[in-house]
């Protein structure tokens, strides 16, 4: 007597099926909202990402094909962000700075060479205050600073009236410091420029000679910081 043996059927439970699908597809391809997609893309490619709360409830988007940098560009279309690379193609950190409607202007060439000061990048910036007289200074690119930061000794040379500047308090690594807050008419870095840029003035002795190019300028652009090439790329959107 012959017997026909049928192969045993493997029953896959729903939970196991979900795990199987997750293992076959990139996490960012099945995530819910845009923030979830970006978080999964960052995790899958080994870089950190900040500022996802600025996306609100933005729905998921199509990332398309290509490397992580190409997919970031597709997912963050319409947003400004800062991208730091340790070497070309090796993303270390991304900071979403907000919707791209802040009015940055630039010429076709957007690459600015930097000077390395330890882990920081230093660039030359031309500052215009109320008197319209250009002041060329060396500033450290600092994504942790909310504004451009200058010493109080520059208040007169830029044409500000110290008594009419708003008083403020800033949190620094060494504690809280008193500041005077104003608005620069414009800031120019290489081919890139932005108007009406907030500035904080801090006592010279607290800055130890350092001046900072903070987010009140940087968030006008999509910024790529390349450590290996010692350059930043500013792309107005």
C-alpha atoms as a PDB file:
ATOM      1  CA  UNK A   1       0.000   0.000   0.000  1.00  0.00           C
ATOM      2  CA  UNK A   2       1.367   3.371  -0.938  1.00  0.00           C
ATOM      3  CA  UNK A   3       0.962   6.441   1.197  1.00  0.00           C
ATOM      4  CA  UNK A   4       1.011  10.000  -0.113  1.00  0.00           C
ATOM      5  CA  UNK A   5       2.845  12.153   2.413  1.00  0.00           C
ATOM      6  CA  UNK A   6       2.014  15.844   2.333  1.00  0.00           C
ATOM      7  CA  UNK A   7       4.576  18.295   3.675  1.00  0.00           C
ATOM      8  CA  UNK A   8       3.636  19.682   7.046  1.00  0.00           C
ATOM      9  CA  UNK A   9       2.186  23.179   6.933  1.00  0.00           C
ATOM     10  CA  UNK A  10       3.965  25.710   9.088  1.00  0.00           C
ATOM     11  CA  UNK A  11       1.505  28.011  10.797  1.00  0.00           C
ATOM     12  CA  UNK A  12       2.862  31.516  11.220  1.00  0.00           C
ATOM     13  CA  UNK A  13       1.172  33.516  13.934  1.00  0.00           C
ATOM     14  CA  UNK A  14       0.415  37.192  13.264  1.00  0.00           C
ATOM     15  CA  UNK A  15       3.073  38.411  15.708  1.00  0.00           C
ATOM     16  CA  UNK A  16       5.691  36.192  14.144  1.00  0.00           C
ATOM     17  CA  UNK A  17       4.637  37.336  10.675  1.00  0.00           C
ATOM     18  CA  UNK A  18       5.120  40.956  11.711  1.00  0.00           C
ATOM     19  CA  UNK A  19       8.612  40.156  12.954  1.00  0.00           C
ATOM     20  CA  UNK A  20       9.373  38.332   9.701  1.00  0.00           C
ATOM     21  CA  UNK A  21       8.239  41.297   7.610  1.00  0.00           C
ATOM     22  CA  UNK A  22      10.180  43.693   9.825  1.00  0.00           C
ATOM     23  CA  UNK A  23      13.286  41.640   9.253  1.00  0.00           C
ATOM     24  CA  UNK A  24      12.877  41.775   5.481  1.00  0.00           C
ATOM     25  CA  UNK A  25      12.039  45.473   5.076  1.00  0.00           C
ATOM     26  CA  UNK A  26      13.960  48.505   6.344  1.00  0.00           C
ATOM     27  CA  UNK A  27      12.273  49.870   9.458  1.00  0.00           C
ATOM     28  CA  UNK A  28      11.852  53.322   7.907  1.00  0.00           C
ATOM     29  CA  UNK A  29       9.841  51.797   5.041  1.00  0.00           C
ATOM     30  CA  UNK A  30       7.026  50.656   7.319  1.00  0.00           C
ATOM     31  CA  UNK A  31       7.080  53.391   9.955  1.00  0.00           C
ATOM     32  CA  UNK A  32       4.048  55.589  10.603  1.00  0.00           C
ATOM     33  CA  UNK A  33       4.856  59.300  10.513  1.00  0.00           C
ATOM     34  CA  UNK A  34       7.777  61.250   9.093  1.00  0.00           C
ATOM     35  CA  UNK A  35       9.474  61.540  12.496  1.00  0.00           C
ATOM     36  CA  UNK A  36       9.282  57.755  12.895  1.00  0.00           C
ATOM     37  CA  UNK A  37      10.746  57.241   9.426  1.00  0.00           C
ATOM     38  CA  UNK A  38      13.660  59.531  10.148  1.00  0.00           C
ATOM     39  CA  UNK A  39      14.345  58.002  13.556  1.00  0.00           C
ATOM     40  CA  UNK A  40      14.446  54.527  12.013  1.00  0.00           C
ATOM     41  CA  UNK A  41      16.642  55.718   9.130  1.00  0.00           C
ATOM     42  CA  UNK A  42      19.069  57.212  11.638  1.00  0.00           C
ATOM     43  CA  UNK A  43      19.119  54.050  13.746  1.00  0.00           C
ATOM     44  CA  UNK A  44      19.610  51.832  10.713  1.00  0.00           C
ATOM     45  CA  UNK A  45      22.538  53.906   9.465  1.00  0.00           C
ATOM     46  CA  UNK A  46      24.239  54.647  12.775  1.00  0.00           C
ATOM     47  CA  UNK A  47      23.791  58.408  13.121  1.00  0.00           C
ATOM     48  CA  UNK A  48      21.993  60.576  15.666  1.00  0.00           C
ATOM     49  CA  UNK A  49      19.096  62.843  14.769  1.00  0.00           C
ATOM     50  CA  UNK A  50      17.666  65.791  16.698  1.00  0.00           C
ATOM     51  CA  UNK A  51      14.779  68.204  16.234  1.00  0.00           C
ATOM     52  CA  UNK A  52      12.164  65.645  15.186  1.00  0.00           C
ATOM     53  CA  UNK A  53       9.581  67.450  17.334  1.00  0.00           C
ATOM     54  CA  UNK A  54       9.757  70.310  14.793  1.00  0.00           C
ATOM     55  CA  UNK A  55       8.065  68.024  12.249  1.00  0.00           C
ATOM     56  CA  UNK A  56       4.831  67.870  14.240  1.00  0.00           C
ATOM     57  CA  UNK A  57       2.379  65.266  12.919  1.00  0.00           C
ATOM     58  CA  UNK A  58       3.835  65.263   9.407  1.00  0.00           C
ATOM     59  CA  UNK A  59       2.715  62.041   7.672  1.00  0.00           C
ATOM     60  CA  UNK A  60       5.111  59.494   6.233  1.00  0.00           C
ATOM     61  CA  UNK A  61       6.795  60.263   2.913  1.00  0.00           C
ATOM     62  CA  UNK A  62       8.382  58.213   0.159  1.00  0.00           C
ATOM     63  CA  UNK A  63      12.118  58.019   0.798  1.00  0.00           C
ATOM     64  CA  UNK A  64      12.991  56.656  -2.633  1.00  0.00           C
ATOM     65  CA  UNK A  65      16.181  54.815  -3.500  1.00  0.00           C
ATOM     66  CA  UNK A  66      19.762  55.774  -2.780  1.00  0.00           C
ATOM     67  CA  UNK A  67      22.031  56.141   0.206  1.00  0.00           C
ATOM     68  CA  UNK A  68      21.032  57.604   3.576  1.00  0.00           C
ATOM     69  CA  UNK A  69      21.969  61.153   2.536  1.00  0.00           C
ATOM     70  CA  UNK A  70      19.790  60.934  -0.579  1.00  0.00           C
ATOM     71  CA  UNK A  71      16.869  59.562   1.432  1.00  0.00           C
ATOM     72  CA  UNK A  72      17.262  62.322   4.018  1.00  0.00           C
ATOM     73  CA  UNK A  73      16.989  64.890   1.245  1.00  0.00           C
ATOM     74  CA  UNK A  74      13.772  63.300   0.008  1.00  0.00           C
ATOM     75  CA  UNK A  75      12.200  62.903   3.445  1.00  0.00           C
ATOM     76  CA  UNK A  76      13.140  66.410   4.596  1.00  0.00           C
ATOM     77  CA  UNK A  77      12.090  68.230   1.433  1.00  0.00           C
ATOM     78  CA  UNK A  78      10.774  71.594   2.582  1.00  0.00           C
ATOM     79  CA  UNK A  79      12.772  71.582   5.835  1.00  0.00           C
ATOM     80  CA  UNK A  80      16.139  73.035   6.764  1.00  0.00           C
ATOM     81  CA  UNK A  81      18.562  70.793   8.598  1.00  0.00           C
ATOM     82  CA  UNK A  82      22.192  70.475   9.636  1.00  0.00           C
ATOM     83  CA  UNK A  83      24.100  67.370   8.587  1.00  0.00           C
ATOM     84  CA  UNK A  84      27.534  66.606  10.064  1.00  0.00           C
ATOM     85  CA  UNK A  85      29.835  64.148   8.291  1.00  0.00           C
ATOM     86  CA  UNK A  86      33.073  62.702   9.700  1.00  0.00           C
ATOM     87  CA  UNK A  87      34.018  61.886   6.108  1.00  0.00           C
ATOM     88  CA  UNK A  88      32.150  62.154   2.794  1.00  0.00           C
ATOM     89  CA  UNK A  89      29.148  59.850   2.951  1.00  0.00           C
ATOM     90  CA  UNK A  90      29.596  59.019   6.655  1.00  0.00           C
ATOM     91  CA  UNK A  91      26.815  60.846   8.505  1.00  0.00           C
ATOM     92  CA  UNK A  92      27.424  61.419  12.211  1.00  0.00           C
ATOM     93  CA  UNK A  93      24.596  63.790  13.212  1.00  0.00           C
ATOM     94  CA  UNK A  94      21.505  65.459  11.774  1.00  0.00           C
ATOM     95  CA  UNK A  95      19.620  68.372  13.338  1.00  0.00           C
ATOM     96  CA  UNK A  96      16.217  69.355  11.896  1.00  0.00           C
ATOM     97  CA  UNK A  97      16.015  73.128  12.343  1.00  0.00           C
ATOM     98  CA  UNK A  98      12.546  73.870  10.952  1.00  0.00           C
ATOM     99  CA  UNK A  99      10.510  74.628   7.860  1.00  0.00           C
ATOM    100  CA  UNK A 100      12.520  76.106   4.983  1.00  0.00           C
ATOM    101  CA  UNK A 101      11.027  79.563   4.683  1.00  0.00           C
ATOM    102  CA  UNK A 102      13.494  81.694   6.624  1.00  0.00           C
ATOM    103  CA  UNK A 103      14.942  83.724   3.758  1.00  0.00           C
ATOM    104  CA  UNK A 104      18.563  82.662   3.438  1.00  0.00           C
ATOM    105  CA  UNK A 105      20.256  83.883   0.257  1.00  0.00           C
ATOM    106  CA  UNK A 106      23.307  82.604  -1.557  1.00  0.00           C
ATOM    107  CA  UNK A 107      25.192  82.473  -4.844  1.00  0.00           C
ATOM    108  CA  UNK A 108      25.456  79.176  -6.795  1.00  0.00           C
ATOM    109  CA  UNK A 109      28.689  78.221  -4.987  1.00  0.00           C
ATOM    110  CA  UNK A 110      27.860  77.280  -1.408  1.00  0.00           C
ATOM    111  CA  UNK A 111      31.011  75.634  -0.046  1.00  0.00           C
ATOM    112  CA  UNK A 112      32.941  77.493   2.659  1.00  0.00           C
ATOM    113  CA  UNK A 113      36.358  76.302   3.798  1.00  0.00           C
ATOM    114  CA  UNK A 114      36.860  76.213   7.555  1.00  0.00           C
ATOM    115  CA  UNK A 115      39.778  76.253   9.969  1.00  0.00           C
ATOM    116  CA  UNK A 116      39.701  73.498  12.564  1.00  0.00           C
ATOM    117  CA  UNK A 117      40.002  74.636  16.173  1.00  0.00           C
ATOM    118  CA  UNK A 118      39.979  71.328  18.027  1.00  0.00           C
ATOM    119  CA  UNK A 119      36.634  69.709  17.207  1.00  0.00           C
ATOM    120  CA  UNK A 120      35.156  73.024  16.057  1.00  0.00           C
ATOM    121  CA  UNK A 121      35.015  74.656  12.636  1.00  0.00           C
ATOM    122  CA  UNK A 122      35.918  78.332  12.353  1.00  0.00           C
ATOM    123  CA  UNK A 123      34.837  80.575   9.471  1.00  0.00           C
ATOM    124  CA  UNK A 124      35.018  84.249   8.631  1.00  0.00           C
ATOM    125  CA  UNK A 125      31.754  86.162   8.825  1.00  0.00           C
ATOM    126  CA  UNK A 126      30.934  89.720   7.810  1.00  0.00           C
ATOM    127  CA  UNK A 127      28.484  91.344  10.224  1.00  0.00           C
ATOM    128  CA  UNK A 128      26.339  94.394   9.530  1.00  0.00           C
ATOM    129  CA  UNK A 129      24.729  96.184  12.458  1.00  0.00           C
ATOM    130  CA  UNK A 130      22.430  99.220  12.531  1.00  0.00           C
ATOM    131  CA  UNK A 131      25.209 101.542  11.281  1.00  0.00           C
ATOM    132  CA  UNK A 132      25.761  99.449   8.139  1.00  0.00           C
ATOM    133  CA  UNK A 133      29.541  99.309   8.686  1.00  0.00           C
ATOM    134  CA  UNK A 134      30.872  95.801   7.898  1.00  0.00           C
ATOM    135  CA  UNK A 135      32.755  94.010  10.651  1.00  0.00           C
ATOM    136  CA  UNK A 136      34.753  90.930   9.623  1.00  0.00           C
ATOM    137  CA  UNK A 137      35.245  88.434  12.440  1.00  0.00           C
ATOM    138  CA  UNK A 138      36.241  84.808  12.932  1.00  0.00           C
ATOM    139  CA  UNK A 139      33.416  82.762  14.421  1.00  0.00           C
ATOM    140  CA  UNK A 140      33.058  79.171  15.574  1.00  0.00           C
ATOM    141  CA  UNK A 141      30.217  77.213  13.955  1.00  0.00           C
ATOM    142  CA  UNK A 142      28.130  76.196  16.969  1.00  0.00           C
ATOM    143  CA  UNK A 143      24.855  74.302  16.487  1.00  0.00           C
ATOM    144  CA  UNK A 144      24.341  74.413  20.258  1.00  0.00           C
ATOM    145  CA  UNK A 145      24.111  78.212  20.353  1.00  0.00           C
ATOM    146  CA  UNK A 146      20.633  79.566  19.683  1.00  0.00           C
ATOM    147  CA  UNK A 147      21.938  82.878  18.305  1.00  0.00           C
ATOM    148  CA  UNK A 148      25.055  84.525  16.962  1.00  0.00           C
ATOM    149  CA  UNK A 149      27.129  85.326  20.071  1.00  0.00           C
ATOM    150  CA  UNK A 150      29.492  88.324  20.228  1.00  0.00           C
ATOM    151  CA  UNK A 151      31.397  90.180  22.965  1.00  0.00           C
ATOM    152  CA  UNK A 152      29.822  93.315  24.443  1.00  0.00           C
ATOM    153  CA  UNK A 153      32.843  95.330  23.258  1.00  0.00           C
ATOM    154  CA  UNK A 154      31.433  95.079  19.711  1.00  0.00           C
ATOM    155  CA  UNK A 155      28.148  96.815  20.581  1.00  0.00           C
ATOM    156  CA  UNK A 156      29.356 100.352  19.694  1.00  0.00           C
ATOM    157  CA  UNK A 157      31.322  99.369  16.560  1.00  0.00           C
ATOM    158  CA  UNK A 158      28.213  97.677  15.097  1.00  0.00           C
ATOM    159  CA  UNK A 159      26.124 100.773  15.817  1.00  0.00           C
ATOM    160  CA  UNK A 160      23.921  99.439  18.617  1.00  0.00           C
ATOM    161  CA  UNK A 161      22.771 101.531  21.569  1.00  0.00           C
ATOM    162  CA  UNK A 162      23.541  99.339  24.567  1.00  0.00           C
ATOM    163  CA  UNK A 163      20.743 100.918  26.620  1.00  0.00           C
ATOM    164  CA  UNK A 164      18.139  99.969  24.011  1.00  0.00           C
ATOM    165  CA  UNK A 165      19.142  96.305  23.708  1.00  0.00           C
ATOM    166  CA  UNK A 166      16.880  93.757  25.402  1.00  0.00           C
ATOM    167  CA  UNK A 167      18.216  92.077  28.520  1.00  0.00           C
ATOM    168  CA  UNK A 168      18.414  88.304  28.604  1.00  0.00           C
ATOM    169  CA  UNK A 169      19.985  85.305  30.302  1.00  0.00           C
ATOM    170  CA  UNK A 170      21.814  82.519  28.502  1.00  0.00           C
ATOM    171  CA  UNK A 171      22.744  79.086  29.795  1.00  0.00           C
ATOM    172  CA  UNK A 172      26.373  78.190  29.168  1.00  0.00           C
ATOM    173  CA  UNK A 173      28.609  75.310  30.216  1.00  0.00           C
ATOM    174  CA  UNK A 174      29.830  77.432  33.132  1.00  0.00           C
ATOM    175  CA  UNK A 175      26.342  78.519  34.210  1.00  0.00           C
ATOM    176  CA  UNK A 176      23.922  81.338  33.453  1.00  0.00           C
ATOM    177  CA  UNK A 177      25.216  84.621  32.067  1.00  0.00           C
ATOM    178  CA  UNK A 178      23.544  87.965  31.443  1.00  0.00           C
ATOM    179  CA  UNK A 179      23.194  88.990  27.817  1.00  0.00           C
ATOM    180  CA  UNK A 180      22.047  91.901  25.716  1.00  0.00           C
ATOM    181  CA  UNK A 181      19.966  90.869  22.714  1.00  0.00           C
ATOM    182  CA  UNK A 182      19.692  92.669  19.394  1.00  0.00           C
ATOM    183  CA  UNK A 183      19.278  92.048  15.694  1.00  0.00           C
ATOM    184  CA  UNK A 184      22.015  92.255  13.084  1.00  0.00           C
ATOM    185  CA  UNK A 185      20.952  93.746   9.751  1.00  0.00           C
ATOM    186  CA  UNK A 186      22.709  90.885   7.968  1.00  0.00           C
ATOM    187  CA  UNK A 187      25.377  88.199   8.306  1.00  0.00           C
ATOM    188  CA  UNK A 188      27.478  87.020   5.373  1.00  0.00           C
ATOM    189  CA  UNK A 189      29.509  83.786   5.363  1.00  0.00           C
ATOM    190  CA  UNK A 190      31.255  83.079   2.080  1.00  0.00           C
ATOM    191  CA  UNK A 191      28.558  83.232  -0.620  1.00  0.00           C
ATOM    192  CA  UNK A 192      25.694  82.819   1.868  1.00  0.00           C
ATOM    193  CA  UNK A 193      23.868  85.623   3.633  1.00  0.00           C
ATOM    194  CA  UNK A 194      20.874  86.105   5.899  1.00  0.00           C
ATOM    195  CA  UNK A 195      19.071  89.234   7.049  1.00  0.00           C
ATOM    196  CA  UNK A 196      17.652  90.174  10.451  1.00  0.00           C
ATOM    197  CA  UNK A 197      19.756  87.736  12.452  1.00  0.00           C
ATOM    198  CA  UNK A 198      19.369  87.702  16.223  1.00  0.00           C
ATOM    199  CA  UNK A 199      22.566  88.306  18.196  1.00  0.00           C
ATOM    200  CA  UNK A 200      23.428  87.951  21.870  1.00  0.00           C
ATOM    201  CA  UNK A 201      26.170  90.083  23.415  1.00  0.00           C
ATOM    202  CA  UNK A 202      28.037  88.573  26.363  1.00  0.00           C
ATOM    203  CA  UNK A 203      30.781  90.112  28.514  1.00  0.00           C
ATOM    204  CA  UNK A 204      34.164  89.709  26.833  1.00  0.00           C
ATOM    205  CA  UNK A 205      35.725  87.917  29.799  1.00  0.00           C
ATOM    206  CA  UNK A 206      33.036  85.220  29.680  1.00  0.00           C
ATOM    207  CA  UNK A 207      33.724  84.455  26.007  1.00  0.00           C
ATOM    208  CA  UNK A 208      37.529  84.299  26.281  1.00  0.00           C
ATOM    209  CA  UNK A 209      37.862  85.705  22.780  1.00  0.00           C
ATOM    210  CA  UNK A 210      35.429  83.261  21.173  1.00  0.00           C
ATOM    211  CA  UNK A 211      32.569  84.369  18.917  1.00  0.00           C
ATOM    212  CA  UNK A 212      29.858  81.952  17.818  1.00  0.00           C
ATOM    213  CA  UNK A 213      27.877  81.455  14.621  1.00  0.00           C
ATOM    214  CA  UNK A 214      24.707  80.013  16.111  1.00  0.00           C
ATOM    215  CA  UNK A 215      21.328  78.831  14.962  1.00  0.00           C
ATOM    216  CA  UNK A 216      19.808  82.265  14.271  1.00  0.00           C
ATOM    217  CA  UNK A 217      21.999  82.186  11.139  1.00  0.00           C
ATOM    218  CA  UNK A 218      22.434  78.443  10.536  1.00  0.00           C
ATOM    219  CA  UNK A 219      18.722  77.604  10.630  1.00  0.00           C
ATOM    220  CA  UNK A 220      18.200  79.658   7.459  1.00  0.00           C
ATOM    221  CA  UNK A 221      19.988  76.939   5.474  1.00  0.00           C
ATOM    222  CA  UNK A 222      20.486  73.259   4.936  1.00  0.00           C
ATOM    223  CA  UNK A 223      23.958  72.854   6.353  1.00  0.00           C
ATOM    224  CA  UNK A 224      26.442  70.051   5.766  1.00  0.00           C
ATOM    225  CA  UNK A 225      29.521  70.065   8.002  1.00  0.00           C
ATOM    226  CA  UNK A 226      32.343  67.932   6.603  1.00  0.00           C
ATOM    227  CA  UNK A 227      35.029  67.181   9.193  1.00  0.00           C
ATOM    228  CA  UNK A 228      37.395  65.405   6.811  1.00  0.00           C
ATOM    229  CA  UNK A 229      37.443  68.169   4.203  1.00  0.00           C
ATOM    230  CA  UNK A 230      37.193  70.995   6.772  1.00  0.00           C
ATOM    231  CA  UNK A 231      34.307  72.697   5.021  1.00  0.00           C
ATOM    232  CA  UNK A 232      30.663  73.548   5.437  1.00  0.00           C
ATOM    233  CA  UNK A 233      28.057  73.666   2.674  1.00  0.00           C
ATOM    234  CA  UNK A 234      25.180  76.147   3.042  1.00  0.00           C
ATOM    235  CA  UNK A 235      22.165  75.505   0.849  1.00  0.00           C
ATOM    236  CA  UNK A 236      19.288  77.993   0.961  1.00  0.00           C
ATOM    237  CA  UNK A 237      15.828  76.400   0.642  1.00  0.00           C
END
